[in-house]
Amino acid sequence: MRDSAPIDRRNALQALAALAGAALLPATAAPAPVLERPIPATGERIPAIGMGTWLTFDVAPGADRDARLAVLREFFAGGGTLLDSSPMYGYAEAALGELVPKARPARVFNATKVWTPTRFLGVRQMEESFAHWGVRRFDLMQVHNMLDWETHLATLKEWKAAGRIRYLGITTSHGRRHDALEAAMKRERFDFVQFSYSFADRDAEKRLLPLAQDRGAAVIVNRPFDGGGLFGAVKGKPLPGWARDIDCANWAQVFLKFVVSHPAVTCAIPATTSPAHMREDTGALQGRLPDAALRRRMAADFDRL
């Protein structure tokens, strides 16, 4: 066994001085935790702000697609993980397959959809999605806009049992087909349901959101900005005083915190082509949320705009 070198007085004093100096340095702040919500089916938690790709990522290879890499990097840096796409969105799945590996995220929750009639075409389309994304398993596969949903649900159950997908779901959008979605949710158990909900479209509060809670379904909210219409409604208007109470620095965060503060909502999926706007969106993953009383006030204030 080798002997350690002796420490003389000078070395000892230098070591003590170094320790004292280190104690005076400011501690490195730990990263602030992001807002997460549990998936009722398993208890797995995911960040409450995800990212949609309709229109925004429908870009062919080239400079426009390359520019979307900055959006993805902002999304992941802000704490987001859930990416939602569909074969309906043109180049979007292929764009994600190319750009996500370049963004090098620590974690991704990949969600896409099947959007075609018949089992044969559905299987073929989903296989193409695997190839576009470059993945062997999807975290979530959804039946897009309820198209031939009974047929596809049988396939999704088989693929979930085989481990090809982790969760299965069903979607609608633009406030459409709520009655049909409600009936489907009462008939079948879905891990996820997806529909529109925002200040401008609160119809889901009547039946779909309470039903999702009762049925143990996670809720993804699309169109949380009402297709951008909410920004037009508040253009030139200052943030209300209560925005400070929920740590909102901009209107995007107000709109998103209203949505994700509903107890039935798991994740909202805004879409953008702007890295700066994505930074605003993921900022809603930080800070306080409105309680039930403030939610009512927020809705009433928006109705008066």
C-alpha atoms as a PDB file:
ATOM      1  CA  MET A   1       0.000   0.000   0.000  1.00  0.00           C
ATOM      2  CA  ARG A   2       1.421   3.375  -0.995  1.00  0.00           C
ATOM      3  CA  ASP A   3       1.780   6.081   1.673  1.00  0.00           C
ATOM      4  CA  SER A   4      -0.013   9.415   1.068  1.00  0.00           C
ATOM      5  CA  ALA A   5       2.209  12.526   0.775  1.00  0.00           C
ATOM      6  CA  PRO A   6       2.548  14.583   3.991  1.00  0.00           C
ATOM      7  CA  ILE A   7       0.588  17.862   4.117  1.00  0.00           C
ATOM      8  CA  ASP A   8       2.610  20.783   5.544  1.00  0.00           C
ATOM      9  CA  ARG A   9       1.158  23.868   7.244  1.00  0.00           C
ATOM     10  CA  ARG A  10       1.213  25.999   4.088  1.00  0.00           C
ATOM     11  CA  ASN A  11      -0.706  23.396   2.080  1.00  0.00           C
ATOM     12  CA  ALA A  12      -3.217  23.025   4.876  1.00  0.00           C
ATOM     13  CA  LEU A  13      -3.837  26.789   5.061  1.00  0.00           C
ATOM     14  CA  GLN A  14      -4.241  26.990   1.275  1.00  0.00           C
ATOM     15  CA  ALA A  15      -6.782  24.177   1.354  1.00  0.00           C
ATOM     16  CA  LEU A  16      -8.770  25.889   4.112  1.00  0.00           C
ATOM     17  CA  ALA A  17      -8.748  29.172   2.192  1.00  0.00           C
ATOM     18  CA  ALA A  18     -10.028  27.448  -0.927  1.00  0.00           C
ATOM     19  CA  LEU A  19     -12.868  25.872   1.020  1.00  0.00           C
ATOM     20  CA  ALA A  20     -13.806  29.196   2.590  1.00  0.00           C
ATOM     21  CA  GLY A  21     -13.829  30.895  -0.798  1.00  0.00           C
ATOM     22  CA  ALA A  22     -16.032  28.186  -2.265  1.00  0.00           C
ATOM     23  CA  ALA A  23     -18.516  28.640   0.553  1.00  0.00           C
ATOM     24  CA  LEU A  24     -18.934  32.307  -0.411  1.00  0.00           C
ATOM     25  CA  LEU A  25     -19.779  31.521  -4.046  1.00  0.00           C
ATOM     26  CA  PRO A  26     -23.499  31.560  -4.914  1.00  0.00           C
ATOM     27  CA  ALA A  27     -25.029  28.122  -5.159  1.00  0.00           C
ATOM     28  CA  THR A  28     -26.054  27.026  -8.643  1.00  0.00           C
ATOM     29  CA  ALA A  29     -29.822  27.162  -8.833  1.00  0.00           C
ATOM     30  CA  ALA A  30     -31.531  23.864  -9.519  1.00  0.00           C
ATOM     31  CA  PRO A  31     -33.696  23.814 -12.660  1.00  0.00           C
ATOM     32  CA  ALA A  32     -37.267  24.793 -11.857  1.00  0.00           C
ATOM     33  CA  PRO A  33     -39.623  21.806 -12.028  1.00  0.00           C
ATOM     34  CA  VAL A  34     -42.019  21.794 -14.964  1.00  0.00           C
ATOM     35  CA  LEU A  35     -45.749  21.310 -14.617  1.00  0.00           C
ATOM     36  CA  GLU A  36     -46.602  17.670 -15.221  1.00  0.00           C
ATOM     37  CA  ARG A  37     -49.867  15.761 -15.288  1.00  0.00           C
ATOM     38  CA  PRO A  38     -50.460  12.030 -14.731  1.00  0.00           C
ATOM     39  CA  ILE A  39     -51.807   9.726 -17.409  1.00  0.00           C
ATOM     40  CA  PRO A  40     -54.727   8.091 -15.566  1.00  0.00           C
ATOM     41  CA  ALA A  41     -54.233   4.655 -17.136  1.00  0.00           C
ATOM     42  CA  THR A  42     -50.749   4.217 -15.655  1.00  0.00           C
ATOM     43  CA  GLY A  43     -49.830   7.171 -13.458  1.00  0.00           C
ATOM     44  CA  GLU A  44     -46.965   8.099 -15.804  1.00  0.00           C
ATOM     45  CA  ARG A  45     -46.429  11.851 -15.731  1.00  0.00           C
ATOM     46  CA  ILE A  46     -45.864  14.055 -18.781  1.00  0.00           C
ATOM     47  CA  PRO A  47     -45.348  17.822 -19.151  1.00  0.00           C
ATOM     48  CA  ALA A  48     -48.636  19.689 -19.520  1.00  0.00           C
ATOM     49  CA  ILE A  49     -47.522  21.589 -22.637  1.00  0.00           C
ATOM     50  CA  GLY A  50     -46.803  19.570 -25.773  1.00  0.00           C
ATOM     51  CA  MET A  51     -46.452  20.594 -29.396  1.00  0.00           C
ATOM     52  CA  GLY A  52     -48.790  20.188 -32.342  1.00  0.00           C
ATOM     53  CA  THR A  53     -47.517  20.019 -35.922  1.00  0.00           C
ATOM     54  CA  TRP A  54     -50.555  20.701 -38.122  1.00  0.00           C
ATOM     55  CA  LEU A  55     -49.510  23.191 -40.856  1.00  0.00           C
ATOM     56  CA  THR A  56     -46.429  24.324 -38.922  1.00  0.00           C
ATOM     57  CA  PHE A  57     -44.284  21.259 -39.701  1.00  0.00           C
ATOM     58  CA  ASP A  58     -45.759  20.472 -43.115  1.00  0.00           C
ATOM     59  CA  VAL A  59     -42.538  21.509 -44.854  1.00  0.00           C
ATOM     60  CA  ALA A  60     -40.541  19.755 -47.559  1.00  0.00           C
ATOM     61  CA  PRO A  61     -36.807  19.118 -47.150  1.00  0.00           C
ATOM     62  CA  GLY A  62     -34.823  22.322 -47.431  1.00  0.00           C
ATOM     63  CA  ALA A  63     -34.317  25.630 -45.654  1.00  0.00           C
ATOM     64  CA  ASP A  64     -37.879  25.914 -44.331  1.00  0.00           C
ATOM     65  CA  ARG A  65     -37.692  22.479 -42.729  1.00  0.00           C
ATOM     66  CA  ASP A  66     -34.227  23.180 -41.334  1.00  0.00           C
ATOM     67  CA  ALA A  67     -35.631  26.289 -39.653  1.00  0.00           C
ATOM     68  CA  ARG A  68     -38.028  24.141 -37.629  1.00  0.00           C
ATOM     69  CA  LEU A  69     -35.091  22.640 -35.751  1.00  0.00           C
ATOM     70  CA  ALA A  70     -34.844  25.806 -33.667  1.00  0.00           C
ATOM     71  CA  VAL A  71     -38.514  25.434 -32.708  1.00  0.00           C
ATOM     72  CA  LEU A  72     -37.927  21.871 -31.561  1.00  0.00           C
ATOM     73  CA  ARG A  73     -34.866  22.863 -29.567  1.00  0.00           C
ATOM     74  CA  GLU A  74     -36.829  25.562 -27.757  1.00  0.00           C
ATOM     75  CA  PHE A  75     -39.601  23.074 -27.069  1.00  0.00           C
ATOM     76  CA  PHE A  76     -37.303  20.503 -25.505  1.00  0.00           C
ATOM     77  CA  ALA A  77     -35.246  23.123 -23.659  1.00  0.00           C
ATOM     78  CA  GLY A  78     -38.457  24.446 -22.116  1.00  0.00           C
ATOM     79  CA  GLY A  79     -39.341  21.025 -20.756  1.00  0.00           C
ATOM     80  CA  GLY A  80     -41.782  19.730 -23.379  1.00  0.00           C
ATOM     81  CA  THR A  81     -41.839  16.098 -24.486  1.00  0.00           C
ATOM     82  CA  LEU A  82     -45.129  15.281 -26.271  1.00  0.00           C
ATOM     83  CA  LEU A  83     -45.073  15.749 -30.047  1.00  0.00           C
ATOM     84  CA  ASP A  84     -48.387  15.231 -31.813  1.00  0.00           C
ATOM     85  CA  SER A  85     -48.712  14.614 -35.548  1.00  0.00           C
ATOM     86  CA  SER A  86     -50.753  12.776 -38.186  1.00  0.00           C
ATOM     87  CA  PRO A  87     -50.518  11.459 -41.753  1.00  0.00           C
ATOM     88  CA  MET A  88     -53.070  14.182 -42.516  1.00  0.00           C
ATOM     89  CA  TYR A  89     -50.371  16.798 -41.869  1.00  0.00           C
ATOM     90  CA  GLY A  90     -48.445  16.276 -45.083  1.00  0.00           C
ATOM     91  CA  TYR A  91     -44.679  16.313 -44.528  1.00  0.00           C
ATOM     92  CA  ALA A  92     -44.970  16.766 -40.733  1.00  0.00           C
ATOM     93  CA  GLU A  93     -44.155  13.182 -39.714  1.00  0.00           C
ATOM     94  CA  ALA A  94     -41.153  13.032 -42.044  1.00  0.00           C
ATOM     95  CA  ALA A  95     -39.973  16.413 -40.759  1.00  0.00           C
ATOM     96  CA  LEU A  96     -40.095  15.154 -37.178  1.00  0.00           C
ATOM     97  CA  GLY A  97     -38.276  11.982 -38.144  1.00  0.00           C
ATOM     98  CA  GLU A  98     -35.463  14.058 -39.625  1.00  0.00           C
ATOM     99  CA  LEU A  99     -35.260  16.855 -37.041  1.00  0.00           C
ATOM    100  CA  VAL A 100     -35.948  15.270 -33.654  1.00  0.00           C
ATOM    101  CA  PRO A 101     -32.679  13.282 -33.629  1.00  0.00           C
ATOM    102  CA  LYS A 102     -30.806  16.491 -34.488  1.00  0.00           C
ATOM    103  CA  ALA A 103     -32.431  18.244 -31.517  1.00  0.00           C
ATOM    104  CA  ARG A 104     -31.090  15.499 -29.212  1.00  0.00           C
ATOM    105  CA  PRO A 105     -33.851  15.604 -26.599  1.00  0.00           C
ATOM    106  CA  ALA A 106     -33.450  13.760 -23.328  1.00  0.00           C
ATOM    107  CA  ARG A 107     -36.991  12.472 -23.632  1.00  0.00           C
ATOM    108  CA  VAL A 108     -39.719  12.328 -26.282  1.00  0.00           C
ATOM    109  CA  PHE A 109     -43.357  11.245 -26.052  1.00  0.00           C
ATOM    110  CA  ASN A 110     -44.268  10.518 -29.682  1.00  0.00           C
ATOM    111  CA  ALA A 111     -47.934  10.640 -30.630  1.00  0.00           C
ATOM    112  CA  THR A 112     -49.467  10.255 -34.063  1.00  0.00           C
ATOM    113  CA  LYS A 113     -52.698   9.066 -35.654  1.00  0.00           C
ATOM    114  CA  VAL A 114     -54.340   6.794 -38.185  1.00  0.00           C
ATOM    115  CA  TRP A 115     -56.522   8.615 -40.706  1.00  0.00           C
ATOM    116  CA  THR A 116     -57.946   6.351 -43.390  1.00  0.00           C
ATOM    117  CA  PRO A 117     -60.790   3.825 -43.770  1.00  0.00           C
ATOM    118  CA  THR A 118     -60.458   0.018 -43.504  1.00  0.00           C
ATOM    119  CA  ARG A 119     -58.100  -2.132 -41.480  1.00  0.00           C
ATOM    120  CA  PHE A 120     -55.808  -2.841 -44.441  1.00  0.00           C
ATOM    121  CA  LEU A 121     -55.220   0.808 -45.249  1.00  0.00           C
ATOM    122  CA  GLY A 122     -54.963   1.692 -41.579  1.00  0.00           C
ATOM    123  CA  VAL A 123     -52.227  -0.857 -40.943  1.00  0.00           C
ATOM    124  CA  ARG A 124     -50.335   0.277 -44.034  1.00  0.00           C
ATOM    125  CA  GLN A 125     -50.600   3.925 -43.018  1.00  0.00           C
ATOM    126  CA  MET A 126     -49.416   3.276 -39.466  1.00  0.00           C
ATOM    127  CA  GLU A 127     -46.468   1.272 -40.753  1.00  0.00           C
ATOM    128  CA  GLU A 128     -45.557   4.273 -42.894  1.00  0.00           C
ATOM    129  CA  SER A 129     -45.704   6.457 -39.773  1.00  0.00           C
ATOM    130  CA  PHE A 130     -43.193   4.181 -38.046  1.00  0.00           C
ATOM    131  CA  ALA A 131     -40.887   4.620 -41.036  1.00  0.00           C
ATOM    132  CA  HIS A 132     -41.352   8.416 -41.186  1.00  0.00           C
ATOM    133  CA  TRP A 133     -40.628   8.904 -37.490  1.00  0.00           C
ATOM    134  CA  GLY A 134     -37.844   6.319 -37.453  1.00  0.00           C
ATOM    135  CA  VAL A 135     -39.169   4.638 -34.298  1.00  0.00           C
ATOM    136  CA  ARG A 136     -39.984   1.066 -33.358  1.00  0.00           C
ATOM    137  CA  ARG A 137     -42.748   1.950 -30.917  1.00  0.00           C
ATOM    138  CA  PHE A 138     -45.164   4.840 -30.564  1.00  0.00           C
ATOM    139  CA  ASP A 139     -46.049   6.163 -27.163  1.00  0.00           C
ATOM    140  CA  LEU A 140     -49.530   7.018 -28.429  1.00  0.00           C
ATOM    141  CA  MET A 141     -51.502   6.065 -31.551  1.00  0.00           C
ATOM    142  CA  GLN A 142     -54.858   7.807 -32.025  1.00  0.00           C
ATOM    143  CA  VAL A 143     -57.763   7.415 -34.425  1.00  0.00           C
ATOM    144  CA  HIS A 144     -57.853  10.790 -36.176  1.00  0.00           C
ATOM    145  CA  ASN A 145     -61.226  12.548 -36.255  1.00  0.00           C
ATOM    146  CA  MET A 146     -62.957   9.250 -35.441  1.00  0.00           C
ATOM    147  CA  LEU A 147     -62.546   7.969 -39.005  1.00  0.00           C
ATOM    148  CA  ASP A 148     -63.591   4.268 -39.049  1.00  0.00           C
ATOM    149  CA  TRP A 149     -62.712   4.240 -35.359  1.00  0.00           C
ATOM    150  CA  GLU A 150     -64.232   0.867 -34.430  1.00  0.00           C
ATOM    151  CA  THR A 151     -62.136  -0.866 -37.092  1.00  0.00           C
ATOM    152  CA  HIS A 152     -58.902   0.840 -36.079  1.00  0.00           C
ATOM    153  CA  LEU A 153     -59.520   0.420 -32.362  1.00  0.00           C
ATOM    154  CA  ALA A 154     -59.363  -3.366 -32.769  1.00  0.00           C
ATOM    155  CA  THR A 155     -55.939  -3.010 -34.427  1.00  0.00           C
ATOM    156  CA  LEU A 156     -54.706  -0.611 -31.766  1.00  0.00           C
ATOM    157  CA  LYS A 157     -55.708  -3.001 -28.997  1.00  0.00           C
ATOM    158  CA  GLU A 158     -53.731  -5.765 -30.706  1.00  0.00           C
ATOM    159  CA  TRP A 159     -50.690  -3.540 -31.187  1.00  0.00           C
ATOM    160  CA  LYS A 160     -50.829  -2.322 -27.598  1.00  0.00           C
ATOM    161  CA  ALA A 161     -50.882  -5.915 -26.341  1.00  0.00           C
ATOM    162  CA  ALA A 162     -47.911  -6.683 -28.617  1.00  0.00           C
ATOM    163  CA  GLY A 163     -45.951  -3.666 -27.362  1.00  0.00           C
ATOM    164  CA  ARG A 164     -45.922  -1.729 -30.635  1.00  0.00           C
ATOM    165  CA  ILE A 165     -47.770   1.171 -29.011  1.00  0.00           C
ATOM    166  CA  ARG A 166     -47.982   2.132 -25.352  1.00  0.00           C
ATOM    167  CA  TYR A 167     -51.298   4.002 -25.336  1.00  0.00           C
ATOM    168  CA  LEU A 168     -54.292   4.255 -27.680  1.00  0.00           C
ATOM    169  CA  GLY A 169     -56.656   7.139 -28.233  1.00  0.00           C
ATOM    170  CA  ILE A 170     -59.244   8.892 -30.353  1.00  0.00           C
ATOM    171  CA  THR A 171     -59.519  12.495 -31.535  1.00  0.00           C
ATOM    172  CA  THR A 172     -61.756  15.192 -32.886  1.00  0.00           C
ATOM    173  CA  SER A 173     -61.124  18.912 -33.420  1.00  0.00           C
ATOM    174  CA  HIS A 174     -62.661  22.314 -34.185  1.00  0.00           C
ATOM    175  CA  GLY A 175     -65.455  21.584 -31.690  1.00  0.00           C
ATOM    176  CA  ARG A 176     -66.955  18.948 -34.009  1.00  0.00           C
ATOM    177  CA  ARG A 177     -68.563  15.569 -33.321  1.00  0.00           C
ATOM    178  CA  HIS A 178     -68.786  15.967 -29.554  1.00  0.00           C
ATOM    179  CA  ASP A 179     -71.917  13.838 -29.374  1.00  0.00           C
ATOM    180  CA  ALA A 180     -70.265  11.018 -31.325  1.00  0.00           C
ATOM    181  CA  LEU A 181     -67.099  11.233 -29.224  1.00  0.00           C
ATOM    182  CA  GLU A 182     -69.123  11.155 -26.025  1.00  0.00           C
ATOM    183  CA  ALA A 183     -70.909   8.010 -27.195  1.00  0.00           C
ATOM    184  CA  ALA A 184     -67.607   6.344 -28.135  1.00  0.00           C
ATOM    185  CA  MET A 185     -66.083   7.196 -24.749  1.00  0.00           C
ATOM    186  CA  LYS A 186     -69.052   5.612 -22.984  1.00  0.00           C
ATOM    187  CA  ARG A 187     -68.723   2.441 -25.072  1.00  0.00           C
ATOM    188  CA  GLU A 188     -64.951   1.953 -24.993  1.00  0.00           C
ATOM    189  CA  ARG A 189     -61.988   2.659 -22.731  1.00  0.00           C
ATOM    190  CA  PHE A 190     -59.465   4.996 -24.316  1.00  0.00           C
ATOM    191  CA  ASP A 191     -56.130   5.837 -22.728  1.00  0.00           C
ATOM    192  CA  PHE A 192     -56.267   9.279 -24.373  1.00  0.00           C
ATOM    193  CA  VAL A 193     -58.930  11.464 -25.935  1.00  0.00           C
ATOM    194  CA  GLN A 194     -58.175  14.637 -27.872  1.00  0.00           C
ATOM    195  CA  PHE A 195     -60.450  17.565 -28.680  1.00  0.00           C
ATOM    196  CA  SER A 196     -60.510  21.375 -28.852  1.00  0.00           C
ATOM    197  CA  TYR A 197     -60.805  23.567 -25.764  1.00  0.00           C
ATOM    198  CA  SER A 198     -59.985  27.237 -25.245  1.00  0.00           C
ATOM    199  CA  PHE A 199     -61.371  30.524 -23.948  1.00  0.00           C
ATOM    200  CA  ALA A 200     -63.279  30.820 -27.224  1.00  0.00           C
ATOM    201  CA  ASP A 201     -64.634  27.244 -27.243  1.00  0.00           C
ATOM    202  CA  ARG A 202     -65.588  25.946 -23.792  1.00  0.00           C
ATOM    203  CA  ASP A 203     -68.217  23.441 -24.924  1.00  0.00           C
ATOM    204  CA  ALA A 204     -66.041  20.542 -23.730  1.00  0.00           C
ATOM    205  CA  GLU A 205     -66.588  21.650 -20.131  1.00  0.00           C
ATOM    206  CA  LYS A 206     -70.204  20.484 -20.317  1.00  0.00           C
ATOM    207  CA  ARG A 207     -69.731  16.772 -20.974  1.00  0.00           C
ATOM    208  CA  LEU A 208     -66.415  15.687 -22.494  1.00  0.00           C
ATOM    209  CA  LEU A 209     -64.068  16.888 -19.769  1.00  0.00           C
ATOM    210  CA  PRO A 210     -66.132  15.455 -16.884  1.00  0.00           C
ATOM    211  CA  LEU A 211     -66.634  12.214 -18.817  1.00  0.00           C
ATOM    212  CA  ALA A 212     -62.888  11.871 -19.423  1.00  0.00           C
ATOM    213  CA  GLN A 213     -62.336  12.124 -15.674  1.00  0.00           C
ATOM    214  CA  ASP A 214     -65.017   9.531 -14.992  1.00  0.00           C
ATOM    215  CA  ARG A 215     -63.624   7.144 -17.604  1.00  0.00           C
ATOM    216  CA  GLY A 216     -59.975   7.561 -16.629  1.00  0.00           C
ATOM    217  CA  ALA A 217     -58.873   9.014 -19.976  1.00  0.00           C
ATOM    218  CA  ALA A 218     -56.018  11.460 -20.397  1.00  0.00           C
ATOM    219  CA  VAL A 219     -57.030  14.590 -22.328  1.00  0.00           C
ATOM    220  CA  ILE A 220     -54.947  16.275 -25.022  1.00  0.00           C
ATOM    221  CA  VAL A 221     -56.300  19.698 -25.955  1.00  0.00           C
ATOM    222  CA  ASN A 222     -55.825  20.874 -29.528  1.00  0.00           C
ATOM    223  CA  ARG A 223     -56.398  24.458 -30.726  1.00  0.00           C
ATOM    224  CA  PRO A 224     -55.785  26.027 -27.275  1.00  0.00           C
ATOM    225  CA  PHE A 225     -55.359  29.397 -29.046  1.00  0.00           C
ATOM    226  CA  ASP A 226     -58.497  28.849 -31.180  1.00  0.00           C
ATOM    227  CA  GLY A 227     -56.318  28.698 -34.294  1.00  0.00           C
ATOM    228  CA  GLY A 228     -54.658  31.968 -33.302  1.00  0.00           C
ATOM    229  CA  GLY A 229     -57.968  33.783 -32.957  1.00  0.00           C
ATOM    230  CA  LEU A 230     -57.434  34.469 -29.266  1.00  0.00           C
ATOM    231  CA  PHE A 231     -54.454  36.688 -30.018  1.00  0.00           C
ATOM    232  CA  GLY A 232     -56.584  38.819 -32.301  1.00  0.00           C
ATOM    233  CA  ALA A 233     -59.136  39.256 -29.524  1.00  0.00           C
ATOM    234  CA  VAL A 234     -56.540  40.658 -27.111  1.00  0.00           C
ATOM    235  CA  LYS A 235     -54.388  42.586 -29.586  1.00  0.00           C
ATOM    236  CA  GLY A 236     -53.253  45.841 -28.000  1.00  0.00           C
ATOM    237  CA  LYS A 237     -54.750  44.952 -24.612  1.00  0.00           C
ATOM    238  CA  PRO A 238     -52.564  44.814 -21.488  1.00  0.00           C
ATOM    239  CA  LEU A 239     -52.407  41.704 -19.361  1.00  0.00           C
ATOM    240  CA  PRO A 240     -54.971  41.727 -16.550  1.00  0.00           C
ATOM    241  CA  GLY A 241     -53.666  42.260 -13.026  1.00  0.00           C
ATOM    242  CA  TRP A 242     -54.442  38.682 -12.078  1.00  0.00           C
ATOM    243  CA  ALA A 243     -51.909  37.448 -14.668  1.00  0.00           C
ATOM    244  CA  ARG A 244     -49.171  38.199 -12.112  1.00  0.00           C
ATOM    245  CA  ASP A 245     -50.895  35.900  -9.617  1.00  0.00           C
ATOM    246  CA  ILE A 246     -50.330  32.947 -11.952  1.00  0.00           C
ATOM    247  CA  ASP A 247     -46.876  33.994 -13.146  1.00  0.00           C
ATOM    248  CA  CYS A 248     -47.899  34.812 -16.714  1.00  0.00           C
ATOM    249  CA  ALA A 249     -45.620  37.110 -18.709  1.00  0.00           C
ATOM    250  CA  ASN A 250     -47.691  37.130 -21.912  1.00  0.00           C
ATOM    251  CA  TRP A 251     -51.092  36.252 -23.327  1.00  0.00           C
ATOM    252  CA  ALA A 252     -49.961  32.853 -24.622  1.00  0.00           C
ATOM    253  CA  GLN A 253     -49.254  31.751 -21.068  1.00  0.00           C
ATOM    254  CA  VAL A 254     -52.613  33.083 -19.884  1.00  0.00           C
ATOM    255  CA  PHE A 255     -54.428  31.080 -22.566  1.00  0.00           C
ATOM    256  CA  LEU A 256     -52.442  27.906 -21.879  1.00  0.00           C
ATOM    257  CA  LYS A 257     -52.662  28.071 -18.095  1.00  0.00           C
ATOM    258  CA  PHE A 258     -56.426  28.439 -18.325  1.00  0.00           C
ATOM    259  CA  VAL A 259     -56.575  25.224 -20.378  1.00  0.00           C
ATOM    260  CA  VAL A 260     -54.153  23.063 -18.421  1.00  0.00           C
ATOM    261  CA  SER A 261     -55.518  24.167 -15.041  1.00  0.00           C
ATOM    262  CA  HIS A 262     -58.728  22.261 -15.728  1.00  0.00           C
ATOM    263  CA  PRO A 263     -58.419  19.118 -13.588  1.00  0.00           C
ATOM    264  CA  ALA A 264     -59.311  16.811 -16.491  1.00  0.00           C
ATOM    265  CA  VAL A 265     -56.694  18.173 -18.909  1.00  0.00           C
ATOM    266  CA  THR A 266     -53.409  16.304 -19.254  1.00  0.00           C
ATOM    267  CA  CYS A 267     -51.655  18.271 -22.005  1.00  0.00           C
ATOM    268  CA  ALA A 268     -52.269  21.146 -24.419  1.00  0.00           C
ATOM    269  CA  ILE A 269     -50.588  21.140 -27.843  1.00  0.00           C
ATOM    270  CA  PRO A 270     -50.071  24.637 -29.292  1.00  0.00           C
ATOM    271  CA  ALA A 271     -48.334  24.857 -32.660  1.00  0.00           C
ATOM    272  CA  THR A 272     -45.945  27.500 -33.959  1.00  0.00           C
ATOM    273  CA  THR A 273     -43.183  28.141 -36.482  1.00  0.00           C
ATOM    274  CA  SER A 274     -41.498  30.692 -34.205  1.00  0.00           C
ATOM    275  CA  PRO A 275     -38.815  29.740 -31.661  1.00  0.00           C
ATOM    276  CA  ALA A 276     -39.682  32.864 -29.646  1.00  0.00           C
ATOM    277  CA  HIS A 277     -43.340  31.885 -29.503  1.00  0.00           C
ATOM    278  CA  MET A 278     -42.389  28.353 -28.501  1.00  0.00           C
ATOM    279  CA  ARG A 279     -40.363  29.839 -25.635  1.00  0.00           C
ATOM    280  CA  GLU A 280     -43.478  31.717 -24.526  1.00  0.00           C
ATOM    281  CA  ASP A 281     -45.588  28.561 -24.777  1.00  0.00           C
ATOM    282  CA  THR A 282     -43.289  26.364 -22.708  1.00  0.00           C
ATOM    283  CA  GLY A 283     -43.082  29.182 -20.165  1.00  0.00           C
ATOM    284  CA  ALA A 284     -46.574  28.063 -19.130  1.00  0.00           C
ATOM    285  CA  LEU A 285     -44.906  24.986 -17.623  1.00  0.00           C
ATOM    286  CA  GLN A 286     -43.524  27.212 -14.844  1.00  0.00           C
ATOM    287  CA  GLY A 287     -45.162  28.983 -11.942  1.00  0.00           C
ATOM    288  CA  ARG A 288     -48.610  28.977 -10.415  1.00  0.00           C
ATOM    289  CA  LEU A 289     -51.932  27.930 -11.938  1.00  0.00           C
ATOM    290  CA  PRO A 290     -55.345  29.531 -11.451  1.00  0.00           C
ATOM    291  CA  ASP A 291     -57.705  27.937  -8.959  1.00  0.00           C
ATOM    292  CA  ALA A 292     -61.389  27.349  -9.727  1.00  0.00           C
ATOM    293  CA  ALA A 293     -62.440  30.842  -8.632  1.00  0.00           C
ATOM    294  CA  LEU A 294     -59.816  32.568 -10.778  1.00  0.00           C
ATOM    295  CA  ARG A 295     -60.683  30.331 -13.728  1.00  0.00           C
ATOM    296  CA  ARG A 296     -64.255  31.595 -13.556  1.00  0.00           C
ATOM    297  CA  ARG A 297     -63.027  35.181 -13.421  1.00  0.00           C
ATOM    298  CA  MET A 298     -60.671  34.626 -16.359  1.00  0.00           C
ATOM    299  CA  ALA A 299     -63.498  33.208 -18.483  1.00  0.00           C
ATOM    300  CA  ALA A 300     -65.815  36.056 -17.541  1.00  0.00           C
ATOM    301  CA  ASP A 301     -63.158  38.667 -18.317  1.00  0.00           C
ATOM    302  CA  PHE A 302     -62.505  37.117 -21.712  1.00  0.00           C
ATOM    303  CA  ASP A 303     -66.235  37.054 -22.515  1.00  0.00           C
ATOM    304  CA  ARG A 304     -66.338  40.805 -21.912  1.00  0.00           C
ATOM    305  CA  LEU A 305     -63.548  41.553 -24.401  1.00  0.00           C
END
